[in-house]
C-alpha atoms as a PDB file:
ATOM      1  CA  MET A   1     -33.585 -17.375 -40.785  1.00  0.00           C
ATOM      2  CA  SER A   2     -35.730 -19.848 -39.318  1.00  0.00           C
ATOM      3  CA  THR A   3     -35.201 -21.722 -35.971  1.00  0.00           C
ATOM      4  CA  SER A   4     -38.054 -25.073 -34.408  1.00  0.00           C
ATOM      5  CA  THR A   5     -40.332 -25.331 -31.565  1.00  0.00           C
ATOM      6  CA  THR A   6     -40.046 -27.856 -29.505  1.00  0.00           C
ATOM      7  CA  GLY A   7     -42.643 -28.984 -31.882  1.00  0.00           C
ATOM      8  CA  GLY A   8     -40.378 -29.047 -33.924  1.00  0.00           C
ATOM      9  CA  GLU A   9     -42.466 -26.328 -35.951  1.00  0.00           C
ATOM     10  CA  PRO A  10     -40.184 -23.923 -37.852  1.00  0.00           C
ATOM     11  CA  THR A  11     -40.485 -20.553 -36.857  1.00  0.00           C
ATOM     12  CA  LYS A  12     -39.122 -17.412 -38.502  1.00  0.00           C
ATOM     13  CA  LYS A  13     -36.593 -15.051 -36.493  1.00  0.00           C
ATOM     14  CA  ARG A  14     -38.578 -10.876 -35.890  1.00  0.00           C
ATOM     15  CA  ARG A  15     -36.872  -8.435 -38.013  1.00  0.00           C
ATOM     16  CA  PHE A  16     -38.212  -5.469 -35.862  1.00  0.00           C
ATOM     17  CA  GLY A  17     -38.810  -7.395 -32.670  1.00  0.00           C
ATOM     18  CA  ARG A  18     -37.316  -6.489 -29.036  1.00  0.00           C
ATOM     19  CA  ARG A  19     -33.810  -6.366 -28.076  1.00  0.00           C
ATOM     20  CA  ALA A  20     -33.186  -7.806 -25.072  1.00  0.00           C
ATOM     21  CA  LYS A  21     -32.187  -4.892 -22.568  1.00  0.00           C
ATOM     22  CA  LYS A  22     -28.605  -5.448 -21.135  1.00  0.00           C
ATOM     23  CA  VAL A  23     -28.219  -6.824 -17.776  1.00  0.00           C
ATOM     24  CA  LYS A  24     -26.531  -4.406 -15.993  1.00  0.00           C
ATOM     25  CA  ASP A  25     -22.992  -4.678 -14.299  1.00  0.00           C
ATOM     26  CA  PRO A  26     -23.384  -4.660 -10.344  1.00  0.00           C
ATOM     27  CA  ASN A  27     -20.488  -4.164  -9.966  1.00  0.00           C
ATOM     28  CA  LYS A  28     -20.511  -1.041 -12.639  1.00  0.00           C
ATOM     29  CA  PRO A  29     -23.275   0.954 -10.925  1.00  0.00           C
ATOM     30  CA  GLY A  30     -25.300   4.441 -12.143  1.00  0.00           C
ATOM     31  CA  ARG A  31     -23.945   8.119 -11.452  1.00  0.00           C
ATOM     32  CA  ILE A  32     -26.694   8.477  -9.294  1.00  0.00           C
ATOM     33  CA  ALA A  33     -25.803   5.022  -7.193  1.00  0.00           C
ATOM     34  CA  GLN A  34     -22.210   5.855  -7.063  1.00  0.00           C
ATOM     35  CA  LEU A  35     -23.338   9.093  -5.921  1.00  0.00           C
ATOM     36  CA  ARG A  36     -25.156   7.302  -3.585  1.00  0.00           C
ATOM     37  CA  GLN A  37     -22.345   4.815  -1.819  1.00  0.00           C
ATOM     38  CA  VAL A  38     -19.923   8.324  -1.549  1.00  0.00           C
ATOM     39  CA  LEU A  39     -22.779   9.703   0.842  1.00  0.00           C
ATOM     40  CA  THR A  40     -23.624   6.947   2.449  1.00  0.00           C
ATOM     41  CA  MET A  41     -20.065   7.263   3.218  1.00  0.00           C
ATOM     42  CA  THR A  42     -19.639  10.278   4.207  1.00  0.00           C
ATOM     43  CA  ARG A  43     -22.136  10.358   6.799  1.00  0.00           C
ATOM     44  CA  LYS A  44     -20.321   7.564   7.953  1.00  0.00           C
ATOM     45  CA  ALA A  45     -17.683   9.309   9.115  1.00  0.00           C
ATOM     46  CA  ASP A  46     -18.843  12.919   8.990  1.00  0.00           C
ATOM     47  CA  PRO A  47     -22.431  13.252   9.677  1.00  0.00           C
ATOM     48  CA  ALA A  48     -22.016  16.958   9.357  1.00  0.00           C
ATOM     49  CA  ALA A  49     -21.332  17.070   6.122  1.00  0.00           C
ATOM     50  CA  ILE A  50     -25.247  16.995   4.097  1.00  0.00           C
ATOM     51  CA  TRP A  51     -25.513  20.425   6.452  1.00  0.00           C
ATOM     52  CA  TRP A  52     -21.931  21.466   5.362  1.00  0.00           C
ATOM     53  CA  MET A  53     -23.451  20.839   1.774  1.00  0.00           C
ATOM     54  CA  LEU A  54     -26.583  22.581   2.614  1.00  0.00           C
ATOM     55  CA  LEU A  55     -24.893  25.479   3.886  1.00  0.00           C
ATOM     56  CA  SER A  56     -22.698  26.195   0.926  1.00  0.00           C
ATOM     57  CA  ALA A  57     -25.173  26.193  -1.092  1.00  0.00           C
ATOM     58  CA  LEU A  58     -27.668  28.426   0.189  1.00  0.00           C
ATOM     59  CA  ALA A  59     -25.676  30.734   0.930  1.00  0.00           C
ATOM     60  CA  VAL A  60     -24.726  30.634  -2.767  1.00  0.00           C
ATOM     61  CA  MET A  61     -28.729  30.983  -3.537  1.00  0.00           C
ATOM     62  CA  LEU A  62     -28.872  33.872  -1.328  1.00  0.00           C
ATOM     63  CA  VAL A  63     -25.812  35.718  -3.089  1.00  0.00           C
ATOM     64  CA  ALA A  64     -26.868  35.690  -6.314  1.00  0.00           C
ATOM     65  CA  VAL A  65     -30.808  36.964  -4.448  1.00  0.00           C
ATOM     66  CA  LEU A  66     -29.318  40.001  -3.128  1.00  0.00           C
ATOM     67  CA  ILE A  67     -27.690  40.101  -6.223  1.00  0.00           C
ATOM     68  CA  GLY A  68     -30.348  40.131  -8.098  1.00  0.00           C
ATOM     69  CA  LEU A  69     -32.156  42.884  -5.441  1.00  0.00           C
ATOM     70  CA  TRP A  70     -29.753  44.712  -6.687  1.00  0.00           C
ATOM     71  CA  ILE A  71     -29.755  45.273 -10.275  1.00  0.00           C
ATOM     72  CA  ASP A  72     -33.123  44.096  -9.993  1.00  0.00           C
ATOM     73  CA  GLN A  73     -33.144  41.043 -11.740  1.00  0.00           C
ATOM     74  CA  VAL A  74     -33.804  38.104  -9.855  1.00  0.00           C
ATOM     75  CA  VAL A  75     -35.619  35.694 -11.061  1.00  0.00           C
ATOM     76  CA  TYR A  76     -32.631  35.942 -13.479  1.00  0.00           C
ATOM     77  CA  LEU A  77     -29.805  35.941 -10.881  1.00  0.00           C
ATOM     78  CA  VAL A  78     -31.644  32.882  -9.264  1.00  0.00           C
ATOM     79  CA  ILE A  79     -32.126  30.896 -12.495  1.00  0.00           C
ATOM     80  CA  ILE A  80     -28.485  31.078 -12.446  1.00  0.00           C
ATOM     81  CA  GLY A  81     -27.762  31.233  -8.372  1.00  0.00           C
ATOM     82  CA  LEU A  82     -28.961  27.242  -9.149  1.00  0.00           C
ATOM     83  CA  PRO A  83     -26.265  25.300 -10.738  1.00  0.00           C
ATOM     84  CA  LEU A  84     -23.487  27.258  -9.065  1.00  0.00           C
ATOM     85  CA  ALA A  85     -24.978  26.374  -5.239  1.00  0.00           C
ATOM     86  CA  LEU A  86     -25.335  22.317  -7.136  1.00  0.00           C
ATOM     87  CA  LEU A  87     -21.009  22.924  -7.574  1.00  0.00           C
ATOM     88  CA  ALA A  88     -20.771  23.872  -4.626  1.00  0.00           C
ATOM     89  CA  ALA A  89     -22.965  21.095  -2.281  1.00  0.00           C
ATOM     90  CA  THR A  90     -20.315  18.989  -4.580  1.00  0.00           C
ATOM     91  CA  VAL A  91     -17.119  20.528  -3.460  1.00  0.00           C
ATOM     92  CA  VAL A  92     -17.545  20.184   0.053  1.00  0.00           C
ATOM     93  CA  LEU A  93     -19.269  16.303  -0.202  1.00  0.00           C
ATOM     94  CA  GLY A  94     -15.697  16.261  -2.563  1.00  0.00           C
ATOM     95  CA  ARG A  95     -14.128  17.469   0.370  1.00  0.00           C
ATOM     96  CA  LYS A  96     -15.856  15.103   2.667  1.00  0.00           C
ATOM     97  CA  ALA A  97     -15.668  12.151   0.925  1.00  0.00           C
ATOM     98  CA  GLU A  98     -11.539  12.497   0.506  1.00  0.00           C
ATOM     99  CA  ARG A  99     -11.443  13.115   4.431  1.00  0.00           C
ATOM    100  CA  ALA A 100     -14.370   9.572   4.924  1.00  0.00           C
ATOM    101  CA  ALA A 101     -11.805   7.709   2.636  1.00  0.00           C
ATOM    102  CA  PHE A 102      -8.461   8.719   4.360  1.00  0.00           C
ATOM    103  CA  THR A 103      -9.671   8.271   7.639  1.00  0.00           C
ATOM    104  CA  GLN A 104     -10.738   4.446   6.064  1.00  0.00           C
ATOM    105  CA  ILE A 105      -7.717   2.430   4.867  1.00  0.00           C
ATOM    106  CA  GLU A 106      -5.593   4.658   7.482  1.00  0.00           C
ATOM    107  CA  GLY A 107      -3.552   1.905   8.939  1.00  0.00           C
ATOM    108  CA  GLN A 108      -4.197  -0.317   6.907  1.00  0.00           C
ATOM    109  CA  PRO A 109      -0.853  -2.291   6.041  1.00  0.00           C
ATOM    110  CA  GLY A 110      -0.087  -1.233   1.986  1.00  0.00           C
ATOM    111  CA  ALA A 111      -2.639   2.551   2.953  1.00  0.00           C
ATOM    112  CA  THR A 112       0.324   4.005   1.181  1.00  0.00           C
ATOM    113  CA  SER A 113      -0.032   2.127  -2.348  1.00  0.00           C
ATOM    114  CA  ALA A 114      -3.840   3.091  -2.121  1.00  0.00           C
ATOM    115  CA  VAL A 115      -2.821   6.727  -1.406  1.00  0.00           C
ATOM    116  CA  LEU A 116      -0.250   6.618  -4.856  1.00  0.00           C
ATOM    117  CA  GLY A 117      -2.865   5.961  -6.848  1.00  0.00           C
ATOM    118  CA  GLN A 118      -4.160   9.385  -6.906  1.00  0.00           C
ATOM    119  CA  LEU A 119      -0.908  10.179  -8.420  1.00  0.00           C
ATOM    120  CA  ARG A 120      -0.650  11.685 -12.278  1.00  0.00           C
ATOM    121  CA  ARG A 121       1.330  11.197 -15.554  1.00  0.00           C
ATOM    122  CA  GLY A 122       4.798  11.911 -14.950  1.00  0.00           C
ATOM    123  CA  TRP A 123       5.661   9.376 -11.872  1.00  0.00           C
ATOM    124  CA  PHE A 124       6.167   5.896 -11.796  1.00  0.00           C
ATOM    125  CA  TYR A 125       5.401   3.570  -8.613  1.00  0.00           C
ATOM    126  CA  ASP A 126       5.423  -0.231  -7.199  1.00  0.00           C
ATOM    127  CA  GLN A 127       2.296  -1.292  -6.098  1.00  0.00           C
ATOM    128  CA  GLU A 128       3.860  -3.534  -3.912  1.00  0.00           C
ATOM    129  CA  PRO A 129       6.414  -2.437  -1.722  1.00  0.00           C
ATOM    130  CA  VAL A 130      10.347  -2.860  -2.287  1.00  0.00           C
ATOM    131  CA  ALA A 131      10.738  -3.039   1.273  1.00  0.00           C
ATOM    132  CA  ALA A 132       9.059  -5.636   3.406  1.00  0.00           C
ATOM    133  CA  GLU A 133       9.095  -6.563   7.623  1.00  0.00           C
ATOM    134  CA  ALA A 134       6.671  -8.023   9.463  1.00  0.00           C
ATOM    135  CA  GLY A 135       6.089  -7.542  13.339  1.00  0.00           C
ATOM    136  CA  GLY A 136       4.793  -9.740  15.919  1.00  0.00           C
ATOM    137  CA  THR A 137       3.332 -12.340  17.125  1.00  0.00           C
ATOM    138  CA  VAL A 138      -0.386 -11.838  18.787  1.00  0.00           C
ATOM    139  CA  ARG A 139      -1.667 -14.924  20.592  1.00  0.00           C
ATOM    140  CA  GLY A 140       1.411 -16.994  17.720  1.00  0.00           C
ATOM    141  CA  MET A 141       0.284 -15.133  14.999  1.00  0.00           C
ATOM    142  CA  ARG A 142       1.815 -12.349  12.530  1.00  0.00           C
ATOM    143  CA  ASP A 143       0.259  -8.877  13.663  1.00  0.00           C
ATOM    144  CA  LEU A 144       0.467  -7.378  10.599  1.00  0.00           C
ATOM    145  CA  HIS A 145      -0.865  -3.897  11.632  1.00  0.00           C
ATOM    146  CA  ASN A 146       2.758  -3.542  12.940  1.00  0.00           C
ATOM    147  CA  ALA A 147       4.287  -4.843   9.408  1.00  0.00           C
ATOM    148  CA  ALA A 148       6.558  -2.134   8.476  1.00  0.00           C
ATOM    149  CA  MET A 149       6.293  -1.551   4.726  1.00  0.00           C
ATOM    150  CA  VAL A 150       8.751   1.372   2.200  1.00  0.00           C
ATOM    151  CA  PHE A 151       6.904   1.780  -1.109  1.00  0.00           C
ATOM    152  CA  ARG A 152       8.688   3.378  -4.082  1.00  0.00           C
ATOM    153  CA  ALA A 153       8.008   6.087  -6.450  1.00  0.00           C
ATOM    154  CA  VAL A 154       9.842   7.365  -9.266  1.00  0.00           C
ATOM    155  CA  GLY A 155       9.384  11.638 -11.109  1.00  0.00           C
ATOM    156  CA  LYS A 156      10.369  15.163 -12.285  1.00  0.00           C
ATOM    157  CA  PRO A 157      11.661  15.271  -7.988  1.00  0.00           C
ATOM    158  CA  GLY A 158      13.485  11.841  -8.600  1.00  0.00           C
ATOM    159  CA  VAL A 159      13.170   8.733  -6.931  1.00  0.00           C
ATOM    160  CA  VAL A 160      11.131   8.905  -3.549  1.00  0.00           C
ATOM    161  CA  LEU A 161      10.728   5.725  -0.500  1.00  0.00           C
ATOM    162  CA  LEU A 162       7.807   6.041   1.790  1.00  0.00           C
ATOM    163  CA  GLY A 163       7.487   4.191   5.089  1.00  0.00           C
ATOM    164  CA  GLU A 164       4.898   2.920   6.836  1.00  0.00           C
ATOM    165  CA  GLY A 165       4.133   1.415   9.345  1.00  0.00           C
ATOM    166  CA  PRO A 166       5.957   1.337  13.420  1.00  0.00           C
ATOM    167  CA  ARG A 167       8.608   4.420  13.297  1.00  0.00           C
ATOM    168  CA  GLY A 168      12.469   2.675  14.503  1.00  0.00           C
ATOM    169  CA  ALA A 169      11.915  -0.282  11.731  1.00  0.00           C
ATOM    170  CA  ALA A 170      10.598   1.221   9.239  1.00  0.00           C
ATOM    171  CA  GLN A 171      13.114   4.073   9.491  1.00  0.00           C
ATOM    172  CA  ARG A 172      15.832   1.552   9.706  1.00  0.00           C
ATOM    173  CA  LEU A 173      13.801  -0.057   5.834  1.00  0.00           C
ATOM    174  CA  LEU A 174      14.434   2.743   4.298  1.00  0.00           C
ATOM    175  CA  ALA A 175      17.678   4.458   5.474  1.00  0.00           C
ATOM    176  CA  GLY A 176      18.442   0.882   3.221  1.00  0.00           C
ATOM    177  CA  GLU A 177      16.543   1.456   1.011  1.00  0.00           C
ATOM    178  CA  ARG A 178      17.958   4.204   0.423  1.00  0.00           C
ATOM    179  CA  LYS A 179      21.306   3.629  -0.537  1.00  0.00           C
ATOM    180  CA  ARG A 180      20.074   0.377  -2.635  1.00  0.00           C
ATOM    181  CA  VAL A 181      18.903   3.172  -4.730  1.00  0.00           C
ATOM    182  CA  ALA A 182      21.836   5.091  -4.703  1.00  0.00           C
ATOM    183  CA  ARG A 183      24.280   2.644  -5.913  1.00  0.00           C
ATOM    184  CA  VAL A 184      21.354   1.906  -8.675  1.00  0.00           C
ATOM    185  CA  VAL A 185      20.926   6.160  -9.497  1.00  0.00           C
ATOM    186  CA  GLY A 186      24.150   7.899  -8.730  1.00  0.00           C
ATOM    187  CA  ASP A 187      24.636  11.362  -6.969  1.00  0.00           C
ATOM    188  CA  THR A 188      23.277  12.688 -10.257  1.00  0.00           C
ATOM    189  CA  VAL A 189      19.171  12.033  -9.086  1.00  0.00           C
ATOM    190  CA  PRO A 190      17.811  13.014  -5.873  1.00  0.00           C
ATOM    191  CA  VAL A 191      16.301   9.838  -4.375  1.00  0.00           C
ATOM    192  CA  HIS A 192      13.812  11.083  -0.725  1.00  0.00           C
ATOM    193  CA  THR A 193      12.539  10.082   2.559  1.00  0.00           C
ATOM    194  CA  ILE A 194       8.804  10.623   3.495  1.00  0.00           C
ATOM    195  CA  ILE A 195       8.125   8.678   6.900  1.00  0.00           C
ATOM    196  CA  VAL A 196       3.738   8.337   5.798  1.00  0.00           C
ATOM    197  CA  GLY A 197       1.698   8.428   9.518  1.00  0.00           C
ATOM    198  CA  LYS A 198       1.057  10.265  12.960  1.00  0.00           C
ATOM    199  CA  GLY A 199       3.703  11.714  15.808  1.00  0.00           C
ATOM    200  CA  GLU A 200       6.242  14.495  14.650  1.00  0.00           C
ATOM    201  CA  ASP A 201       8.336  14.703  11.259  1.00  0.00           C
ATOM    202  CA  ALA A 202       5.885  12.529  10.079  1.00  0.00           C
ATOM    203  CA  THR A 203       3.283  13.080   7.120  1.00  0.00           C
ATOM    204  CA  PRO A 204       0.028  12.225   7.260  1.00  0.00           C
ATOM    205  CA  LEU A 205      -1.713  10.234   5.200  1.00  0.00           C
ATOM    206  CA  ARG A 206      -4.186  12.331   3.112  1.00  0.00           C
ATOM    207  CA  GLY A 207      -1.016  15.206   2.536  1.00  0.00           C
ATOM    208  CA  VAL A 208       1.620  12.744   0.711  1.00  0.00           C
ATOM    209  CA  VAL A 209       1.175  13.387  -2.319  1.00  0.00           C
ATOM    210  CA  LYS A 210       1.131  16.937  -1.295  1.00  0.00           C
ATOM    211  CA  LYS A 211       4.107  16.279  -0.424  1.00  0.00           C
ATOM    212  CA  MET A 212       5.722  14.979  -2.982  1.00  0.00           C
ATOM    213  CA  ARG A 213       4.186  16.937  -5.929  1.00  0.00           C
ATOM    214  CA  SER A 214       6.465  20.109  -3.439  1.00  0.00           C
ATOM    215  CA  LEU A 215       9.174  18.473  -3.777  1.00  0.00           C
ATOM    216  CA  PRO A 216      11.825  20.434  -6.659  1.00  0.00           C
ATOM    217  CA  LYS A 217      11.853  18.818 -10.090  1.00  0.00           C
ATOM    218  CA  LYS A 218      15.058  18.208 -10.384  1.00  0.00           C
ATOM    219  CA  LEU A 219      14.045  15.564 -13.974  1.00  0.00           C
ATOM    220  CA  ASN A 220      12.340  15.524 -17.098  1.00  0.00           C
ATOM    221  CA  ASN A 221       9.819  12.647 -18.415  1.00  0.00           C
ATOM    222  CA  ASP A 222      12.826  10.648 -20.145  1.00  0.00           C
ATOM    223  CA  GLU A 223      14.818  10.781 -17.471  1.00  0.00           C
ATOM    224  CA  ALA A 224      12.787   9.850 -15.362  1.00  0.00           C
ATOM    225  CA  MET A 225      11.472   7.162 -17.484  1.00  0.00           C
ATOM    226  CA  VAL A 226      15.046   5.265 -17.070  1.00  0.00           C
ATOM    227  CA  VAL A 227      15.880   5.670 -13.759  1.00  0.00           C
ATOM    228  CA  GLN A 228      12.326   3.595 -13.447  1.00  0.00           C
ATOM    229  CA  GLN A 229      13.527   1.229 -15.848  1.00  0.00           C
ATOM    230  CA  ARG A 230      16.726   0.835 -13.777  1.00  0.00           C
ATOM    231  CA  MET A 231      14.544   0.528 -10.433  1.00  0.00           C
ATOM    232  CA  LYS A 232      12.422  -2.893 -12.060  1.00  0.00           C
ATOM    233  CA  ALA A 233      16.439  -3.840 -12.467  1.00  0.00           C
ATOM    234  CA  LEU A 234      17.236  -2.690  -8.780  1.00  0.00           C
ATOM    235  CA  GLY A 235      14.211  -4.975  -7.321  1.00  0.00           C
ATOM    236  CA  GLY A 236      13.337  -7.708  -9.624  1.00  0.00           C
ATOM    237  CA  LYS A 237      16.518  -8.780  -8.902  1.00  0.00           C
ATOM    238  CA  ASN A 238      16.425  -7.994  -4.353  1.00  0.00           C
ATOM    239  CA  ARG A 239      12.983  -7.221  -3.975  1.00  0.00           C
ATOM    240  CA  PRO A 240      12.942  -8.924  -0.102  1.00  0.00           C
ATOM    241  CA  PRO A 241       9.680 -11.271   0.404  1.00  0.00           C
ATOM    242  CA  ILE A 242       6.057  -9.867   1.679  1.00  0.00           C
ATOM    243  CA  PRO A 243       4.984 -10.655   4.718  1.00  0.00           C
ATOM    244  CA  ALA A 244       2.669 -13.632   5.043  1.00  0.00           C
ATOM    245  CA  GLY A 245      -0.963 -12.294   5.092  1.00  0.00           C
ATOM    246  CA  VAL A 246      -0.385  -8.579   3.473  1.00  0.00           C
ATOM    247  CA  ASP A 247      -1.851  -8.137  -0.356  1.00  0.00           C
ATOM    248  CA  PRO A 248      -1.185  -4.425  -0.799  1.00  0.00           C
ATOM    249  CA  THR A 249      -3.030  -4.443  -4.191  1.00  0.00           C
ATOM    250  CA  ARG A 250      -6.709  -5.993  -2.712  1.00  0.00           C
ATOM    251  CA  THR A 251      -5.806  -2.382  -0.447  1.00  0.00           C
ATOM    252  CA  PRO A 252      -9.350  -0.569  -0.609  1.00  0.00           C
ATOM    253  CA  ARG A 253      -8.515   1.900  -3.827  1.00  0.00           C
ATOM    254  CA  MET A 254     -10.188   5.529  -3.462  1.00  0.00           C
ATOM    255  CA  SER A 255     -11.902   6.626  -6.328  1.00  0.00           C
ATOM    256  CA  ARG A 256     -10.851   9.448  -8.338  1.00  0.00           C
ATOM    257  CA  ARG A 257     -14.858   9.529  -9.074  1.00  0.00           C
ATOM    258  CA  ALA A 258     -15.523   9.811  -5.170  1.00  0.00           C
ATOM    259  CA  LEU A 259     -13.309  12.600  -4.719  1.00  0.00           C
ATOM    260  CA  ARG A 260     -14.834  14.585  -6.746  1.00  0.00           C
ATOM    261  CA  GLY A 261     -18.290  14.254  -5.417  1.00  0.00           C
ATOM    262  CA  ARG A 262     -19.606  12.187  -8.823  1.00  0.00           C
END
């Protein structure tokens, strides 16, 4: 097959010509770039994170050297200790990055929706709130940081309603949503309520998933799916409007790779 140049003369296409390099997508950085981003984010939230990583790596190497001296195989144990030290530093980075990620989104409207993304198989949840109430006004504008919201998740423990925002408004929304859900699922499906935030009887943002997983399991996967379908029908008919200016789907998501330090 031939192509023509600007002068009109046909030129043959090179059979073994170099392939054009693929243009890298800036939205999909490589692993090294991701690790650099995680380190930068973690150092901003916790400047001592790097020192804890080095300390954990040195502790592993010290143990490896001591064992090597004991069995007279220092070189062999050092070779084994290097990847273990790197693994220890990565684990510490993952823990610190998790705290940094929660610190960044804590207090933002819709932060609970971002945390629900950590739930694994067996859970169904909605990214948008099933109930919402706008806060007061500041200088004639809605104060979105005082907006109360209720998010819903369905799993083996039953239906879990999570309220965020001002305590009074969140509790009022939770009570109303719990009555609506109970009328649909009946008495056989447990309905749990969780207040997300700080203070007495509240669950911190980073402890939400752990608390949800610790709830007693009463349903199997098929029953949970049926309940979720009922909840979808309920939410589609009576879903309240979201306060103007709040878009929970645009709340910063926590990358699972970042939480694992990768």
